[in-house]
């Protein structure tokens, strides 16, 4: 085990205490408007996103509309993947390349049904390369999906797993934690596709992400007259851009320094060549004697 994560839908545990109790990551949900209307508060909002990040906690994303959605196969998976990706990108500004964990939230009776595989393929196509596909479910679902690479990260639930713990899973969900309405998870393997882990990688920012950061900086530091750097996720994205720019500037400076060194070395060679040319006797043709030195031929 490398750490602890908390997951919840409508609960709102005190984030300071969550951090103090040793949790490093909070898993929240993306879902459709219909699912959010049926269970208000299930879906992560931008305000809550900032609260979690500002508390020093990482964020993971579960994708779920209803528990048995996977039984509807590919078309349902693609529809949900598109909805989740749109919300994660346009509303949450979640970093491109992080994982959205698709929930297989029912008992598959110790199997990995073909309909579940079809559903996950649909989710992947719906995410359209902007986000990666993870899977939540029993050990049978998680092991099979990761083994066939239908999903890249797995969250195994204690439910329907008959006391077994996957060696493939990245998180293991035990059930209720010390915070009411939440579930406790062991983090078994990292990275597991979370928000800050993705930002820490060498992944280029999209134009939309850069614009989102600029919009947030304007809103928080210019438009409202406040001073200082932007806070929340915008500040984190801006810091990431600054780091990338600083790294590029360093590379350019090093290249310029190397170029100057090359020019100086070439100038030294030219100077040496000029000296050698100047030393050549001008009294007429030359010949070698047995000593190996140049001697002028006598002028007839």
Protein backbone atom coordinates (compact mmCIF):
# COMPACT_ATOMS: atom_id res chain seq x y z
CA UNK A 1 0.00 0.00 0.00
CA UNK A 2 1.34 3.43 -0.94
CA UNK A 3 -1.38 5.64 0.52
CA UNK A 4 -5.07 6.20 1.23
CA UNK A 5 -7.87 7.69 -0.86
CA UNK A 6 -11.43 8.66 -0.02
CA UNK A 7 -14.39 8.46 -2.40
CA UNK A 8 -17.89 9.85 -2.02
CA UNK A 9 -20.84 11.35 -3.85
CA UNK A 10 -23.16 13.51 -1.71
CA UNK A 11 -21.05 13.56 1.44
CA UNK A 12 -18.86 16.58 2.17
CA UNK A 13 -16.26 15.56 4.75
CA UNK A 14 -14.07 18.30 6.29
CA UNK A 15 -11.12 18.37 3.94
CA UNK A 16 -8.64 19.52 6.57
CA UNK A 17 -9.47 16.46 8.68
CA UNK A 18 -9.34 14.22 5.61
CA UNK A 19 -5.80 15.42 4.97
CA UNK A 20 -4.85 15.16 8.65
CA UNK A 21 -6.09 11.56 8.73
CA UNK A 22 -3.55 10.53 6.14
CA UNK A 23 -5.57 10.64 2.94
CA UNK A 24 -3.77 11.98 -0.13
CA UNK A 25 -6.50 11.80 -2.74
CA UNK A 26 -10.26 12.25 -3.06
CA UNK A 27 -12.25 10.45 -5.75
CA UNK A 28 -15.35 12.27 -6.96
CA UNK A 29 -17.78 11.85 -9.82
CA UNK A 30 -18.50 13.07 -13.29
CA UNK A 31 -21.93 12.17 -14.66
CA UNK A 32 -24.70 13.37 -16.94
CA UNK A 33 -27.12 16.17 -16.09
CA UNK A 34 -29.85 13.57 -15.63
CA UNK A 35 -27.81 11.59 -13.12
CA UNK A 36 -26.91 14.77 -11.22
CA UNK A 37 -30.58 15.79 -11.08
CA UNK A 38 -31.47 12.39 -9.65
CA UNK A 39 -28.73 12.55 -7.00
CA UNK A 40 -27.89 16.22 -6.38
CA UNK A 41 -24.31 16.78 -5.29
CA UNK A 42 -22.94 13.63 -6.88
CA UNK A 43 -21.02 15.52 -9.54
CA UNK A 44 -17.80 17.39 -8.77
CA UNK A 45 -18.15 21.15 -9.24
CA UNK A 46 -15.43 23.71 -10.01
CA UNK A 47 -15.85 25.24 -6.55
CA UNK A 48 -15.36 21.90 -4.83
CA UNK A 49 -12.47 21.08 -7.16
CA UNK A 50 -10.64 24.17 -5.93
CA UNK A 51 -11.43 23.39 -2.30
CA UNK A 52 -9.96 19.89 -2.63
CA UNK A 53 -6.81 21.04 -4.41
CA UNK A 54 -6.30 23.95 -2.02
CA UNK A 55 -6.54 21.50 0.89
CA UNK A 56 -3.46 19.76 -0.50
CA UNK A 57 -5.39 16.76 -1.78
CA UNK A 58 -5.28 15.14 -5.20
CA UNK A 59 -8.42 14.37 -7.23
CA UNK A 60 -9.49 11.18 -8.98
CA UNK A 61 -12.57 10.92 -11.17
CA UNK A 62 -15.18 8.17 -11.20
CA UNK A 63 -17.62 8.15 -14.10
CA UNK A 64 -21.07 6.78 -13.32
CA UNK A 65 -24.66 7.58 -14.24
CA UNK A 66 -26.36 4.47 -12.86
CA UNK A 67 -25.12 1.21 -11.40
CA UNK A 68 -26.20 -1.09 -14.23
CA UNK A 69 -25.27 1.12 -17.19
CA UNK A 70 -22.66 -1.35 -18.46
CA UNK A 71 -25.41 -3.86 -19.21
CA UNK A 72 -26.47 -1.62 -22.11
CA UNK A 73 -23.19 -2.19 -23.96
CA UNK A 74 -21.16 -0.16 -26.42
CA UNK A 75 -23.62 2.58 -27.39
CA UNK A 76 -24.34 3.47 -23.78
CA UNK A 77 -20.63 3.49 -22.96
CA UNK A 78 -19.83 5.83 -25.83
CA UNK A 79 -22.65 8.19 -24.88
CA UNK A 80 -21.48 8.36 -21.29
CA UNK A 81 -17.83 8.72 -22.25
CA UNK A 82 -18.69 11.75 -24.39
CA UNK A 83 -20.74 13.33 -21.59
CA UNK A 84 -18.03 12.73 -18.99
CA UNK A 85 -15.26 14.05 -21.22
CA UNK A 86 -17.25 17.16 -22.09
CA UNK A 87 -17.95 17.96 -18.44
CA UNK A 88 -14.42 17.16 -17.30
CA UNK A 89 -12.91 19.36 -20.01
CA UNK A 90 -15.28 22.30 -20.39
CA UNK A 91 -16.49 22.65 -16.78
CA UNK A 92 -13.76 21.20 -14.56
CA UNK A 93 -10.82 21.95 -16.88
CA UNK A 94 -9.42 18.57 -15.85
CA UNK A 95 -5.95 17.98 -17.31
CA UNK A 96 -5.95 16.12 -20.58
CA UNK A 97 -4.72 12.56 -20.16
CA UNK A 98 -6.02 11.92 -16.65
CA UNK A 99 -8.15 8.83 -16.05
CA UNK A 100 -11.93 8.66 -15.71
CA UNK A 101 -12.85 5.42 -13.94
CA UNK A 102 -15.97 3.83 -15.46
CA UNK A 103 -18.07 2.08 -12.83
CA UNK A 104 -19.16 -1.52 -13.30
CA UNK A 105 -21.22 -1.24 -10.16
CA UNK A 106 -23.07 -4.55 -10.01
CA UNK A 107 -22.38 -8.24 -9.44
CA UNK A 108 -21.16 -9.92 -12.62
CA UNK A 109 -21.24 -13.31 -10.86
CA UNK A 110 -17.51 -13.93 -10.94
CA UNK A 111 -17.15 -13.26 -14.66
CA UNK A 112 -16.17 -10.54 -17.12
CA UNK A 113 -19.18 -10.48 -19.44
CA UNK A 114 -18.64 -9.51 -23.11
CA UNK A 115 -21.25 -6.77 -22.68
CA UNK A 116 -19.00 -5.14 -20.07
CA UNK A 117 -16.02 -5.23 -22.41
CA UNK A 118 -18.19 -3.68 -25.14
CA UNK A 119 -19.32 -0.97 -22.72
CA UNK A 120 -15.73 -0.09 -21.80
CA UNK A 121 -14.74 0.07 -25.47
CA UNK A 122 -17.63 2.49 -25.93
CA UNK A 123 -16.43 4.62 -23.01
CA UNK A 124 -12.95 4.76 -24.54
CA UNK A 125 -14.33 5.87 -27.89
CA UNK A 126 -16.49 8.46 -26.15
CA UNK A 127 -13.51 9.88 -24.26
CA UNK A 128 -11.89 10.25 -27.68
CA UNK A 129 -8.30 10.26 -26.46
CA UNK A 130 -8.79 13.31 -24.27
CA UNK A 131 -9.01 11.16 -21.13
CA UNK A 132 -7.96 7.61 -20.33
CA UNK A 133 -10.34 4.81 -19.37
CA UNK A 134 -10.23 3.29 -15.90
CA UNK A 135 -12.52 0.62 -14.49
CA UNK A 136 -14.25 0.13 -11.13
CA UNK A 137 -15.71 -3.21 -10.15
CA UNK A 138 -15.06 -6.62 -8.67
CA UNK A 139 -11.72 -8.39 -8.91
CA UNK A 140 -13.02 -10.36 -11.89
CA UNK A 141 -13.86 -7.24 -13.86
CA UNK A 142 -10.74 -5.28 -12.89
CA UNK A 143 -8.30 -8.12 -13.59
CA UNK A 144 -9.79 -8.94 -16.98
CA UNK A 145 -10.13 -5.32 -18.16
CA UNK A 146 -6.55 -4.46 -17.20
CA UNK A 147 -5.17 -7.69 -18.62
CA UNK A 148 -6.72 -7.08 -22.02
CA UNK A 149 -5.86 -3.34 -21.80
CA UNK A 150 -9.47 -2.24 -22.13
CA UNK A 151 -8.69 -0.02 -19.13
CA UNK A 152 -5.40 1.44 -17.93
CA UNK A 153 -6.21 1.89 -14.22
CA UNK A 154 -8.40 -0.20 -11.93
CA UNK A 155 -10.30 0.39 -8.70
CA UNK A 156 -11.38 -2.88 -7.11
CA UNK A 157 -14.29 -2.95 -4.70
CA UNK A 158 -14.49 -5.38 -1.81
CA UNK A 159 -18.03 -6.15 -2.99
CA UNK A 160 -18.48 -9.28 -5.12
CA UNK A 161 -14.75 -10.11 -4.84
CA UNK A 162 -15.10 -12.98 -2.37
CA UNK A 163 -12.24 -11.84 -0.16
CA UNK A 164 -9.69 -11.69 -2.96
CA UNK A 165 -7.49 -8.65 -3.65
CA UNK A 166 -6.24 -8.03 -7.17
CA UNK A 167 -2.54 -7.70 -7.90
CA UNK A 168 -3.51 -5.57 -10.91
CA UNK A 169 -5.70 -3.00 -9.15
CA UNK A 170 -4.40 0.47 -8.37
CA UNK A 171 -6.93 1.12 -5.60
CA UNK A 172 -8.83 -1.23 -3.31
CA UNK A 173 -12.11 0.10 -1.94
CA UNK A 174 -12.90 -1.31 1.51
CA UNK A 175 -16.21 0.38 2.25
CA UNK A 176 -17.18 2.88 4.93
CA UNK A 177 -14.52 5.16 6.41
CA UNK A 178 -14.39 7.30 9.55
CA UNK A 179 -16.22 10.03 7.61
CA UNK A 180 -19.94 9.42 7.19
CA UNK A 181 -21.09 8.71 3.66
CA UNK A 182 -17.60 8.02 2.32
CA UNK A 183 -15.56 4.95 1.34
CA UNK A 184 -11.98 4.22 2.31
CA UNK A 185 -9.52 3.01 -0.35
CA UNK A 186 -6.00 1.65 -0.16
CA UNK A 187 -3.76 3.02 -2.90
CA UNK A 188 -1.92 -0.07 -4.06
CA UNK A 189 -0.04 1.22 -7.11
CA UNK A 190 0.91 4.63 -8.48
CA UNK A 191 0.37 6.44 -10.69
CA UNK A 192 -3.36 5.83 -10.86
CA UNK A 193 -4.31 8.57 -13.28
CA UNK A 194 -5.25 11.34 -10.84
CA UNK A 195 -5.33 15.09 -11.43
CA UNK A 196 -1.99 16.13 -9.90
CA UNK A 197 -0.19 13.03 -11.14
CA UNK A 198 -1.23 13.94 -14.66
CA UNK A 199 -0.12 17.56 -14.25
CA UNK A 200 3.24 16.33 -13.01
CA UNK A 201 3.88 14.46 -16.26
CA UNK A 202 5.38 15.90 -19.43
CA UNK A 203 2.05 16.42 -21.18
CA UNK A 204 1.64 19.44 -23.45
CA UNK A 205 -1.14 21.87 -22.67
CA UNK A 206 -3.89 22.29 -25.23
CA UNK A 207 -4.90 25.72 -26.50
CA UNK A 208 -8.17 25.35 -24.58
CA UNK A 209 -6.32 24.63 -21.33
CA UNK A 210 -4.03 27.63 -21.78
CA UNK A 211 -7.03 29.85 -22.48
CA UNK A 212 -8.82 28.49 -19.40
CA UNK A 213 -5.85 29.41 -17.22
CA UNK A 214 -5.69 32.88 -18.76
CA UNK A 215 -9.41 33.38 -18.14
CA UNK A 216 -9.08 32.36 -14.50
CA UNK A 217 -6.05 34.60 -13.94
CA UNK A 218 -7.91 37.56 -15.47
CA UNK A 219 -11.00 36.91 -13.36
CA UNK A 220 -9.10 36.55 -10.09
CA UNK A 221 -6.25 39.04 -10.42
CA UNK A 222 -7.24 41.73 -12.90
CA UNK A 223 -10.98 41.93 -13.34
CA UNK A 224 -11.69 42.08 -9.61
CA UNK A 225 -8.73 44.34 -8.81
CA UNK A 226 -7.06 41.89 -6.44
CA UNK A 227 -3.31 41.50 -6.31
CA UNK A 228 -1.10 38.47 -6.36
CA UNK A 229 -1.15 35.19 -8.23
CA UNK A 230 -4.34 33.30 -8.97
CA UNK A 231 -5.28 30.61 -6.51
CA UNK A 232 -7.00 27.27 -6.97
CA UNK A 233 -6.62 25.18 -10.08
CA UNK A 234 -5.89 28.21 -12.27
CA UNK A 235 -2.85 28.99 -10.17
CA UNK A 236 -1.68 25.41 -10.47
CA UNK A 237 -2.10 25.44 -14.23
CA UNK A 238 -0.28 28.78 -14.44
CA UNK A 239 2.57 27.41 -12.35
CA UNK A 240 2.77 24.45 -14.69
CA UNK A 241 2.99 26.78 -17.71
CA UNK A 242 5.65 28.89 -15.94
CA UNK A 243 7.70 25.76 -15.29
CA UNK A 244 7.44 24.73 -18.93
CA UNK A 245 8.45 28.24 -20.11
CA UNK A 246 11.34 28.34 -17.63
CA UNK A 247 12.55 24.98 -18.88
CA UNK A 248 12.35 26.10 -22.49
CA UNK A 249 14.15 29.36 -21.68
CA UNK A 250 16.90 27.39 -19.99
CA UNK A 251 17.28 25.19 -23.07
CA UNK A 252 17.46 28.25 -25.34
CA UNK A 253 20.03 29.91 -23.07
CA UNK A 254 22.16 26.77 -23.04
CA UNK A 255 21.95 26.48 -26.81
CA UNK A 256 22.93 30.16 -27.17
CA UNK A 257 25.86 29.62 -24.79
CA UNK A 258 26.97 26.57 -26.77
CA UNK A 259 26.70 28.53 -30.01
CA UNK A 260 28.87 31.32 -28.59
CA UNK A 261 31.46 28.76 -27.56
CA UNK A 262 31.44 27.31 -31.08
CA UNK A 263 31.86 30.77 -32.62
CA UNK A 264 34.75 31.57 -30.26
CA UNK A 265 36.46 28.28 -31.13
CA UNK A 266 36.01 28.95 -34.85
CA UNK A 267 37.41 32.48 -34.45
CA UNK A 268 40.47 31.05 -32.70
CA UNK A 269 41.00 28.61 -35.57
CA UNK A 270 40.69 31.41 -38.14
CA UNK A 271 43.23 33.51 -36.19
CA UNK A 272 45.67 30.60 -36.05
CA UNK A 273 45.23 29.97 -39.76
CA UNK A 274 45.92 33.66 -40.50
CA UNK A 275 49.12 33.47 -38.50
CA UNK A 276 50.21 30.38 -40.41
CA UNK A 277 49.52 32.06 -43.75
CA UNK A 278 51.47 35.14 -42.68
CA UNK A 279 54.45 32.96 -41.80
CA UNK A 280 54.75 31.52 -45.31
CA UNK A 281 57.90 32.97 -47.03
CA UNK A 282 57.22 35.20 -50.02
CA UNK A 283 60.61 34.93 -51.73
CA UNK A 284 59.46 32.54 -54.42
CA UNK A 285 58.83 28.84 -54.70
CA UNK A 286 59.86 26.71 -51.79
CA UNK A 287 61.29 23.23 -51.44
CA UNK A 288 61.93 20.78 -48.65
CA UNK A 289 65.38 19.86 -47.47
CA UNK A 290 66.25 16.76 -45.48
CA UNK A 291 65.61 18.55 -42.20
CA UNK A 292 61.93 18.84 -43.04
CA UNK A 293 61.96 22.63 -43.00
CA UNK A 294 60.77 24.90 -45.75
CA UNK A 295 63.58 26.65 -47.63
CA UNK A 296 63.23 29.23 -50.39
CA UNK A 297 64.61 28.27 -53.78
CA UNK A 298 67.30 30.64 -54.97
CA UNK A 299 66.08 33.12 -57.50
CA UNK A 300 68.05 32.61 -60.74
